[in-house]
Amino acid sequence: MYYILFYDVADDYLTRRVPLRSVHLAHARAAHARGELVLAGALADPPDGAVLIFKGDSPDAVRNFAENDPYVINGLVTSWRVREWTTVVGDDPAVIVP
């Protein structure tokens, strides 16, 4: 099953992220190395959020990621939410539709 982690970020996110970016990226790369995080990145035009796609049996790893993300801990992320994502097209769809 896939899960999407949506981040809403502070208005001054771009400037405030500079000193935390390397630890945030290390956190994300570790989740990717564990096979949890599939793809992630910031939204642009406007830079008001980010989307992170996870794969797993439950949303627990996603919630754990967010709760321990330096951007969340330090208030750059103003809110976050996890949504289960039922994929039907792609290399590894969750549901096969004939």
PDB file of N, CA and C in Angstrom:
ATOM      1  N   MET A   1       0.849  -1.176   0.000  1.00  0.00           N
ATOM      2  CA  MET A   1       0.000   0.000   0.000  1.00  0.00           C
ATOM      3  C   MET A   1       0.900   1.245   0.000  1.00  0.00           C
ATOM      4  N   TYR A   2       0.410   2.263  -0.682  1.00  0.00           N
ATOM      5  CA  TYR A   2       1.113   3.543  -0.724  1.00  0.00           C
ATOM      6  C   TYR A   2       0.429   4.537   0.207  1.00  0.00           C
ATOM      7  N   TYR A   3       1.225   5.447   0.721  1.00  0.00           N
ATOM      8  CA  TYR A   3       0.734   6.518   1.572  1.00  0.00           C
ATOM      9  C   TYR A   3       1.392   7.816   1.132  1.00  0.00           C
ATOM     10  N   ILE A   4       0.621   8.887   1.138  1.00  0.00           N
ATOM     11  CA  ILE A   4       1.158  10.198   0.810  1.00  0.00           C
ATOM     12  C   ILE A   4       1.185  11.029   2.083  1.00  0.00           C
ATOM     13  N   LEU A   5       2.343  11.610   2.340  1.00  0.00           N
ATOM     14  CA  LEU A   5       2.516  12.542   3.447  1.00  0.00           C
ATOM     15  C   LEU A   5       2.522  13.944   2.846  1.00  0.00           C
ATOM     16  N   PHE A   6       1.535  14.743   3.225  1.00  0.00           N
ATOM     17  CA  PHE A   6       1.435  16.120   2.762  1.00  0.00           C
ATOM     18  C   PHE A   6       1.963  17.044   3.854  1.00  0.00           C
ATOM     19  N   TYR A   7       2.838  17.956   3.478  1.00  0.00           N
ATOM     20  CA  TYR A   7       3.343  18.981   4.390  1.00  0.00           C
ATOM     21  C   TYR A   7       2.837  20.348   3.935  1.00  0.00           C
ATOM     22  N   ASP A   8       2.345  21.140   4.877  1.00  0.00           N
ATOM     23  CA  ASP A   8       2.115  22.564   4.679  1.00  0.00           C
ATOM     24  C   ASP A   8       3.250  23.256   5.414  1.00  0.00           C
ATOM     25  N   VAL A   9       3.834  24.281   4.802  1.00  0.00           N
ATOM     26  CA  VAL A   9       5.016  24.896   5.398  1.00  0.00           C
ATOM     27  C   VAL A   9       4.799  26.365   5.736  1.00  0.00           C
ATOM     28  N   ALA A  10       5.640  26.873   6.623  1.00  0.00           N
ATOM     29  CA  ALA A  10       5.587  28.272   7.044  1.00  0.00           C
ATOM     30  C   ALA A  10       5.912  29.191   5.870  1.00  0.00           C
ATOM     31  N   ASP A  11       5.423  30.418   5.943  1.00  0.00           N
ATOM     32  CA  ASP A  11       5.657  31.387   4.875  1.00  0.00           C
ATOM     33  C   ASP A  11       7.143  31.625   4.615  1.00  0.00           C
ATOM     34  N   ASP A  12       7.950  31.585   5.675  1.00  0.00           N
ATOM     35  CA  ASP A  12       9.395  31.829   5.541  1.00  0.00           C
ATOM     36  C   ASP A  12      10.195  30.523   5.453  1.00  0.00           C
ATOM     37  N   TYR A  13       9.554  29.482   5.017  1.00  0.00           N
ATOM     38  CA  TYR A  13      10.147  28.153   4.911  1.00  0.00           C
ATOM     39  C   TYR A  13      11.458  28.139   4.135  1.00  0.00           C
ATOM     40  N   LEU A  14      11.512  28.815   2.997  1.00  0.00           N
ATOM     41  CA  LEU A  14      12.709  28.766   2.160  1.00  0.00           C
ATOM     42  C   LEU A  14      13.946  29.291   2.877  1.00  0.00           C
ATOM     43  N   THR A  15      13.796  30.324   3.665  1.00  0.00           N
ATOM     44  CA  THR A  15      14.958  30.852   4.391  1.00  0.00           C
ATOM     45  C   THR A  15      15.241  30.056   5.656  1.00  0.00           C
ATOM     46  N   ARG A  16      14.196  29.611   6.348  1.00  0.00           N
ATOM     47  CA  ARG A  16      14.386  28.877   7.599  1.00  0.00           C
ATOM     48  C   ARG A  16      14.917  27.465   7.390  1.00  0.00           C
ATOM     49  N   ARG A  17      14.726  26.884   6.206  1.00  0.00           N
ATOM     50  CA  ARG A  17      15.168  25.515   5.981  1.00  0.00           C
ATOM     51  C   ARG A  17      16.676  25.389   5.810  1.00  0.00           C
ATOM     52  N   VAL A  18      17.355  26.472   5.483  1.00  0.00           N
ATOM     53  CA  VAL A  18      18.780  26.416   5.148  1.00  0.00           C
ATOM     54  C   VAL A  18      19.601  25.685   6.214  1.00  0.00           C
ATOM     55  N   PRO A  19      19.532  26.054   7.502  1.00  0.00           N
ATOM     56  CA  PRO A  19      20.389  25.358   8.483  1.00  0.00           C
ATOM     57  C   PRO A  19      19.929  23.932   8.817  1.00  0.00           C
ATOM     58  N   LEU A  20      18.700  23.579   8.442  1.00  0.00           N
ATOM     59  CA  LEU A  20      18.155  22.255   8.771  1.00  0.00           C
ATOM     60  C   LEU A  20      18.104  21.310   7.579  1.00  0.00           C
ATOM     61  N   ARG A  21      18.415  21.816   6.411  1.00  0.00           N
ATOM     62  CA  ARG A  21      18.200  21.025   5.199  1.00  0.00           C
ATOM     63  C   ARG A  21      19.019  19.738   5.180  1.00  0.00           C
ATOM     64  N   SER A  22      20.277  19.794   5.595  1.00  0.00           N
ATOM     65  CA  SER A  22      21.118  18.587   5.533  1.00  0.00           C
ATOM     66  C   SER A  22      20.606  17.499   6.474  1.00  0.00           C
ATOM     67  N   VAL A  23      20.123  17.855   7.666  1.00  0.00           N
ATOM     68  CA  VAL A  23      19.608  16.829   8.584  1.00  0.00           C
ATOM     69  C   VAL A  23      18.239  16.318   8.131  1.00  0.00           C
ATOM     70  N   HIS A  24      17.449  17.199   7.537  1.00  0.00           N
ATOM     71  CA  HIS A  24      16.165  16.765   6.974  1.00  0.00           C
ATOM     72  C   HIS A  24      16.399  15.777   5.835  1.00  0.00           C
ATOM     73  N   LEU A  25      17.325  16.104   4.943  1.00  0.00           N
ATOM     74  CA  LEU A  25      17.617  15.208   3.821  1.00  0.00           C
ATOM     75  C   LEU A  25      18.226  13.898   4.296  1.00  0.00           C
ATOM     76  N   ALA A  26      19.038  13.928   5.323  1.00  0.00           N
ATOM     77  CA  ALA A  26      19.595  12.689   5.884  1.00  0.00           C
ATOM     78  C   ALA A  26      18.470  11.821   6.445  1.00  0.00           C
ATOM     79  N   HIS A  27      17.506  12.450   7.095  1.00  0.00           N
ATOM     80  CA  HIS A  27      16.334  11.746   7.628  1.00  0.00           C
ATOM     81  C   HIS A  27      15.553  11.087   6.486  1.00  0.00           C
ATOM     82  N   ALA A  28      15.356  11.829   5.401  1.00  0.00           N
ATOM     83  CA  ALA A  28      14.627  11.301   4.250  1.00  0.00           C
ATOM     84  C   ALA A  28      15.413  10.188   3.557  1.00  0.00           C
ATOM     85  N   ARG A  29      16.702  10.383   3.398  1.00  0.00           N
ATOM     86  CA  ARG A  29      17.522   9.357   2.736  1.00  0.00           C
ATOM     87  C   ARG A  29      17.566   8.064   3.545  1.00  0.00           C
ATOM     88  N   ALA A  30      17.550   8.175   4.861  1.00  0.00           N
ATOM     89  CA  ALA A  30      17.526   6.977   5.709  1.00  0.00           C
ATOM     90  C   ALA A  30      16.208   6.223   5.523  1.00  0.00           C
ATOM     91  N   ALA A  31      15.096   6.954   5.432  1.00  0.00           N
ATOM     92  CA  ALA A  31      13.794   6.310   5.196  1.00  0.00           C
ATOM     93  C   ALA A  31      13.765   5.658   3.817  1.00  0.00           C
ATOM     94  N   HIS A  32      14.390   6.274   2.852  1.00  0.00           N
ATOM     95  CA  HIS A  32      14.473   5.695   1.513  1.00  0.00           C
ATOM     96  C   HIS A  32      15.321   4.427   1.537  1.00  0.00           C
ATOM     97  N   ALA A  33      16.444   4.466   2.241  1.00  0.00           N
ATOM     98  CA  ALA A  33      17.328   3.297   2.335  1.00  0.00           C
ATOM     99  C   ALA A  33      16.629   2.116   3.011  1.00  0.00           C
ATOM    100  N   ARG A  34      15.719   2.402   3.941  1.00  0.00           N
ATOM    101  CA  ARG A  34      14.945   1.339   4.602  1.00  0.00           C
ATOM    102  C   ARG A  34      13.819   0.805   3.722  1.00  0.00           C
ATOM    103  N   GLY A  35      13.605   1.434   2.570  1.00  0.00           N
ATOM    104  CA  GLY A  35      12.539   1.007   1.670  1.00  0.00           C
ATOM    105  C   GLY A  35      11.178   1.589   1.997  1.00  0.00           C
ATOM    106  N   GLU A  36      11.128   2.572   2.865  1.00  0.00           N
ATOM    107  CA  GLU A  36       9.850   3.183   3.263  1.00  0.00           C
ATOM    108  C   GLU A  36       9.473   4.347   2.348  1.00  0.00           C
ATOM    109  N   LEU A  37      10.392   5.251   2.140  1.00  0.00           N
ATOM    110  CA  LEU A  37      10.143   6.449   1.342  1.00  0.00           C
ATOM    111  C   LEU A  37      10.482   6.166  -0.118  1.00  0.00           C
ATOM    112  N   VAL A  38       9.508   6.369  -0.988  1.00  0.00           N
ATOM    113  CA  VAL A  38       9.679   6.079  -2.406  1.00  0.00           C
ATOM    114  C   VAL A  38      10.149   7.311  -3.172  1.00  0.00           C
ATOM    115  N   LEU A  39       9.514   8.441  -2.919  1.00  0.00           N
ATOM    116  CA  LEU A  39       9.774   9.659  -3.673  1.00  0.00           C
ATOM    117  C   LEU A  39       9.339  10.837  -2.819  1.00  0.00           C
ATOM    118  N   ALA A  40      10.086  11.940  -2.881  1.00  0.00           N
ATOM    119  CA  ALA A  40       9.730  13.090  -2.064  1.00  0.00           C
ATOM    120  C   ALA A  40      10.262  14.369  -2.692  1.00  0.00           C
ATOM    121  N   GLY A  41       9.586  15.470  -2.397  1.00  0.00           N
ATOM    122  CA  GLY A  41      10.073  16.758  -2.866  1.00  0.00           C
ATOM    123  C   GLY A  41       9.143  17.885  -2.483  1.00  0.00           C
ATOM    124  N   ALA A  42       9.691  19.087  -2.584  1.00  0.00           N
ATOM    125  CA  ALA A  42       8.940  20.295  -2.252  1.00  0.00           C
ATOM    126  C   ALA A  42       8.079  20.712  -3.436  1.00  0.00           C
ATOM    127  N   LEU A  43       6.953  21.334  -3.141  1.00  0.00           N
ATOM    128  CA  LEU A  43       6.112  21.921  -4.172  1.00  0.00           C
ATOM    129  C   LEU A  43       6.699  23.276  -4.564  1.00  0.00           C
ATOM    130  N   ALA A  44       6.501  23.661  -5.819  1.00  0.00           N
ATOM    131  CA  ALA A  44       7.051  24.922  -6.315  1.00  0.00           C
ATOM    132  C   ALA A  44       5.940  25.785  -6.907  1.00  0.00           C
ATOM    133  N   ASP A  45       6.208  27.057  -6.969  1.00  0.00           N
ATOM    134  CA  ASP A  45       5.294  28.026  -7.593  1.00  0.00           C
ATOM    135  C   ASP A  45       3.858  27.921  -7.118  1.00  0.00           C
ATOM    136  N   PRO A  46       3.512  28.166  -5.909  1.00  0.00           N
ATOM    137  CA  PRO A  46       4.343  28.693  -4.832  1.00  0.00           C
ATOM    138  C   PRO A  46       4.959  27.570  -3.988  1.00  0.00           C
ATOM    139  N   PRO A  47       6.054  27.873  -3.315  1.00  0.00           N
ATOM    140  CA  PRO A  47       6.695  26.872  -2.441  1.00  0.00           C
ATOM    141  C   PRO A  47       5.982  26.791  -1.092  1.00  0.00           C
ATOM    142  N   ASP A  48       4.804  26.197  -1.085  1.00  0.00           N
ATOM    143  CA  ASP A  48       3.969  26.209   0.113  1.00  0.00           C
ATOM    144  C   ASP A  48       3.748  24.837   0.730  1.00  0.00           C
ATOM    145  N   GLY A  49       4.511  23.850   0.271  1.00  0.00           N
ATOM    146  CA  GLY A  49       4.333  22.522   0.829  1.00  0.00           C
ATOM    147  C   GLY A  49       5.289  21.527   0.232  1.00  0.00           C
ATOM    148  N   ALA A  50       5.086  20.279   0.614  1.00  0.00           N
ATOM    149  CA  ALA A  50       5.885  19.171   0.100  1.00  0.00           C
ATOM    150  C   ALA A  50       5.014  17.925   0.066  1.00  0.00           C
ATOM    151  N   VAL A  51       5.418  16.973  -0.771  1.00  0.00           N
ATOM    152  CA  VAL A  51       4.715  15.708  -0.908  1.00  0.00           C
ATOM    153  C   VAL A  51       5.742  14.593  -0.805  1.00  0.00           C
ATOM    154  N   LEU A  52       5.466  13.623   0.048  1.00  0.00           N
ATOM    155  CA  LEU A  52       6.361  12.484   0.239  1.00  0.00           C
ATOM    156  C   LEU A  52       5.538  11.210   0.081  1.00  0.00           C
ATOM    157  N   ILE A  53       5.998  10.315  -0.758  1.00  0.00           N
ATOM    158  CA  ILE A  53       5.273   9.082  -1.044  1.00  0.00           C
ATOM    159  C   ILE A  53       5.990   7.913  -0.376  1.00  0.00           C
ATOM    160  N   PHE A  54       5.233   7.170   0.410  1.00  0.00           N
ATOM    161  CA  PHE A  54       5.756   6.038   1.150  1.00  0.00           C
ATOM    162  C   PHE A  54       5.073   4.756   0.685  1.00  0.00           C
ATOM    163  N   LYS A  55       5.744   3.640   0.920  1.00  0.00           N
ATOM    164  CA  LYS A  55       5.159   2.337   0.657  1.00  0.00           C
ATOM    165  C   LYS A  55       5.346   1.478   1.891  1.00  0.00           C
ATOM    166  N   GLY A  56       4.276   0.786   2.306  1.00  0.00           N
ATOM    167  CA  GLY A  56       4.366  -0.060   3.489  1.00  0.00           C
ATOM    168  C   GLY A  56       3.041  -0.719   3.802  1.00  0.00           C
ATOM    169  N   ASP A  57       3.044  -1.484   4.868  1.00  0.00           N
ATOM    170  CA  ASP A  57       1.843  -2.214   5.279  1.00  0.00           C
ATOM    171  C   ASP A  57       0.874  -1.368   6.100  1.00  0.00           C
ATOM    172  N   SER A  58       1.378  -0.259   6.660  1.00  0.00           N
ATOM    173  CA  SER A  58       0.538   0.607   7.483  1.00  0.00           C
ATOM    174  C   SER A  58       1.119   2.019   7.437  1.00  0.00           C
ATOM    175  N   PRO A  59       0.379   2.994   7.916  1.00  0.00           N
ATOM    176  CA  PRO A  59       0.894   4.369   7.942  1.00  0.00           C
ATOM    177  C   PRO A  59       1.840   4.660   9.109  1.00  0.00           C
ATOM    178  N   ASP A  60       2.155   3.668   9.908  1.00  0.00           N
ATOM    179  CA  ASP A  60       2.983   3.897  11.096  1.00  0.00           C
ATOM    180  C   ASP A  60       4.343   4.503  10.763  1.00  0.00           C
ATOM    181  N   ALA A  61       5.024   3.979   9.751  1.00  0.00           N
ATOM    182  CA  ALA A  61       6.342   4.506   9.381  1.00  0.00           C
ATOM    183  C   ALA A  61       6.239   5.940   8.878  1.00  0.00           C
ATOM    184  N   VAL A  62       5.139   6.251   8.226  1.00  0.00           N
ATOM    185  CA  VAL A  62       4.926   7.607   7.713  1.00  0.00           C
ATOM    186  C   VAL A  62       4.760   8.581   8.875  1.00  0.00           C
ATOM    187  N   ARG A  63       3.929   8.216   9.816  1.00  0.00           N
ATOM    188  CA  ARG A  63       3.723   9.075  10.994  1.00  0.00           C
ATOM    189  C   ARG A  63       5.021   9.226  11.785  1.00  0.00           C
ATOM    190  N   ASN A  64       5.760   8.145  11.940  1.00  0.00           N
ATOM    191  CA  ASN A  64       7.030   8.195  12.653  1.00  0.00           C
ATOM    192  C   ASN A  64       8.010   9.123  11.936  1.00  0.00           C
ATOM    193  N   PHE A  65       8.036   9.039  10.609  1.00  0.00           N
ATOM    194  CA  PHE A  65       8.901   9.920   9.832  1.00  0.00           C
ATOM    195  C   PHE A  65       8.559  11.377  10.140  1.00  0.00           C
ATOM    196  N   ALA A  66       7.284  11.733  10.006  1.00  0.00           N
ATOM    197  CA  ALA A  66       6.867  13.118  10.214  1.00  0.00           C
ATOM    198  C   ALA A  66       7.162  13.589  11.634  1.00  0.00           C
ATOM    199  N   GLU A  67       6.839  12.784  12.612  1.00  0.00           N
ATOM    200  CA  GLU A  67       7.036  13.186  14.008  1.00  0.00           C
ATOM    201  C   GLU A  67       8.505  13.417  14.353  1.00  0.00           C
ATOM    202  N   ASN A  68       9.414  12.802  13.589  1.00  0.00           N
ATOM    203  CA  ASN A  68      10.844  12.932  13.859  1.00  0.00           C
ATOM    204  C   ASN A  68      11.595  13.753  12.809  1.00  0.00           C
ATOM    205  N   ASP A  69      10.864  14.355  11.892  1.00  0.00           N
ATOM    206  CA  ASP A  69      11.476  15.177  10.855  1.00  0.00           C
ATOM    207  C   ASP A  69      11.916  16.512  11.458  1.00  0.00           C
ATOM    208  N   PRO A  70      13.179  16.904  11.251  1.00  0.00           N
ATOM    209  CA  PRO A  70      13.647  18.197  11.777  1.00  0.00           C
ATOM    210  C   PRO A  70      12.807  19.390  11.303  1.00  0.00           C
ATOM    211  N   TYR A  71      12.232  19.323  10.126  1.00  0.00           N
ATOM    212  CA  TYR A  71      11.374  20.418   9.653  1.00  0.00           C
ATOM    213  C   TYR A  71      10.101  20.508  10.494  1.00  0.00           C
ATOM    214  N   VAL A  72       9.557  19.375  10.885  1.00  0.00           N
ATOM    215  CA  VAL A  72       8.352  19.368  11.728  1.00  0.00           C
ATOM    216  C   VAL A  72       8.716  19.806  13.143  1.00  0.00           C
ATOM    217  N   ILE A  73       9.755  19.207  13.693  1.00  0.00           N
ATOM    218  CA  ILE A  73      10.179  19.506  15.068  1.00  0.00           C
ATOM    219  C   ILE A  73      10.472  20.988  15.263  1.00  0.00           C
ATOM    220  N   ASN A  74      11.055  21.620  14.228  1.00  0.00           N
ATOM    221  CA  ASN A  74      11.456  23.027  14.334  1.00  0.00           C
ATOM    222  C   ASN A  74      10.437  24.010  13.769  1.00  0.00           C
ATOM    223  N   GLY A  75       9.231  23.551  13.472  1.00  0.00           N
ATOM    224  CA  GLY A  75       8.148  24.439  13.099  1.00  0.00           C
ATOM    225  C   GLY A  75       8.141  24.935  11.660  1.00  0.00           C
ATOM    226  N   LEU A  76       8.995  24.412  10.793  1.00  0.00           N
ATOM    227  CA  LEU A  76       8.938  24.793   9.384  1.00  0.00           C
ATOM    228  C   LEU A  76       7.702  24.214   8.724  1.00  0.00           C
ATOM    229  N   VAL A  77       7.320  23.016   9.151  1.00  0.00           N
ATOM    230  CA  VAL A  77       6.084  22.392   8.697  1.00  0.00           C
ATOM    231  C   VAL A  77       5.001  22.802   9.684  1.00  0.00           C
ATOM    232  N   THR A  78       3.993  23.499   9.172  1.00  0.00           N
ATOM    233  CA  THR A  78       2.935  24.015  10.042  1.00  0.00           C
ATOM    234  C   THR A  78       1.832  22.991  10.283  1.00  0.00           C
ATOM    235  N   SER A  79       1.662  22.078   9.332  1.00  0.00           N
ATOM    236  CA  SER A  79       0.721  20.972   9.510  1.00  0.00           C
ATOM    237  C   SER A  79       1.095  19.868   8.541  1.00  0.00           C
ATOM    238  N   TRP A  80       0.696  18.645   8.913  1.00  0.00           N
ATOM    239  CA  TRP A  80       0.946  17.501   8.036  1.00  0.00           C
ATOM    240  C   TRP A  80      -0.202  16.519   8.168  1.00  0.00           C
ATOM    241  N   ARG A  81      -0.361  15.731   7.111  1.00  0.00           N
ATOM    242  CA  ARG A  81      -1.422  14.721   7.121  1.00  0.00           C
ATOM    243  C   ARG A  81      -0.991  13.559   6.232  1.00  0.00           C
ATOM    244  N   VAL A  82      -1.475  12.386   6.586  1.00  0.00           N
ATOM    245  CA  VAL A  82      -1.170  11.159   5.858  1.00  0.00           C
ATOM    246  C   VAL A  82      -2.456  10.664   5.217  1.00  0.00           C
ATOM    247  N   ARG A  83      -2.342  10.306   3.938  1.00  0.00           N
ATOM    248  CA  ARG A  83      -3.487   9.744   3.227  1.00  0.00           C
ATOM    249  C   ARG A  83      -3.076   8.437   2.575  1.00  0.00           C
ATOM    250  N   GLU A  84      -3.922   7.419   2.699  1.00  0.00           N
ATOM    251  CA  GLU A  84      -3.702   6.178   1.977  1.00  0.00           C
ATOM    252  C   GLU A  84      -3.983   6.459   0.502  1.00  0.00           C
ATOM    253  N   TRP A  85      -3.142   5.896  -0.368  1.00  0.00           N
ATOM    254  CA  TRP A  85      -3.252   6.169  -1.793  1.00  0.00           C
ATOM    255  C   TRP A  85      -3.429   4.850  -2.533  1.00  0.00           C
ATOM    256  N   THR A  86      -4.579   4.655  -3.141  1.00  0.00           N
ATOM    257  CA  THR A  86      -4.868   3.444  -3.898  1.00  0.00           C
ATOM    258  C   THR A  86      -4.430   3.667  -5.337  1.00  0.00           C
ATOM    259  N   THR A  87      -3.298   3.091  -5.701  1.00  0.00           N
ATOM    260  CA  THR A  87      -2.763   3.254  -7.045  1.00  0.00           C
ATOM    261  C   THR A  87      -3.339   2.192  -7.969  1.00  0.00           C
ATOM    262  N   VAL A  88      -3.600   2.579  -9.227  1.00  0.00           N
ATOM    263  CA  VAL A  88      -4.164   1.641 -10.194  1.00  0.00           C
ATOM    264  C   VAL A  88      -3.360   1.576 -11.493  1.00  0.00           C
ATOM    265  N   VAL A  89      -2.475   2.522 -11.734  1.00  0.00           N
ATOM    266  CA  VAL A  89      -1.649   2.540 -12.934  1.00  0.00           C
ATOM    267  C   VAL A  89      -0.205   2.793 -12.518  1.00  0.00           C
ATOM    268  N   GLY A  90       0.715   2.060 -13.108  1.00  0.00           N
ATOM    269  CA  GLY A  90       2.134   2.237 -12.815  1.00  0.00           C
ATOM    270  C   GLY A  90       2.824   0.899 -12.684  1.00  0.00           C
ATOM    271  N   ASP A  91       4.072   0.949 -12.214  1.00  0.00           N
ATOM    272  CA  ASP A  91       4.875  -0.276 -12.112  1.00  0.00           C
ATOM    273  C   ASP A  91       4.411  -1.215 -11.020  1.00  0.00           C
ATOM    274  N   ASP A  92       3.815  -0.703  -9.970  1.00  0.00           N
ATOM    275  CA  ASP A  92       3.435  -1.546  -8.838  1.00  0.00           C
ATOM    276  C   ASP A  92       2.100  -1.084  -8.263  1.00  0.00           C
ATOM    277  N   PRO A  93       1.011  -1.193  -9.041  1.00  0.00           N
ATOM    278  CA  PRO A  93      -0.275  -0.704  -8.547  1.00  0.00           C
ATOM    279  C   PRO A  93      -0.803  -1.529  -7.383  1.00  0.00           C
ATOM    280  N   ALA A  94      -1.486  -0.859  -6.469  1.00  0.00           N
ATOM    281  CA  ALA A  94      -2.084  -1.542  -5.332  1.00  0.00           C
ATOM    282  C   ALA A  94      -3.310  -2.339  -5.748  1.00  0.00           C
ATOM    283  N   VAL A  95      -4.005  -1.883  -6.773  1.00  0.00           N
ATOM    284  CA  VAL A  95      -5.211  -2.537  -7.265  1.00  0.00           C
ATOM    285  C   VAL A  95      -5.067  -2.714  -8.769  1.00  0.00           C
ATOM    286  N   ILE A  96      -5.304  -3.921  -9.232  1.00  0.00           N
ATOM    287  CA  ILE A  96      -5.287  -4.198 -10.672  1.00  0.00           C
ATOM    288  C   ILE A  96      -6.708  -4.019 -11.214  1.00  0.00           C
ATOM    289  N   VAL A  97      -6.867  -3.097 -12.136  1.00  0.00           N
ATOM    290  CA  VAL A  97      -8.176  -2.852 -12.738  1.00  0.00           C
ATOM    291  C   VAL A  97      -8.126  -3.368 -14.171  1.00  0.00           C
ATOM    292  N   PRO A  98      -8.973  -4.357 -14.479  1.00  0.00           N
ATOM    293  CA  PRO A  98      -8.966  -4.908 -15.854  1.00  0.00           C
ATOM    294  C   PRO A  98      -9.421  -3.905 -16.897  1.00  0.00           C
TER     295      PRO A  98
END
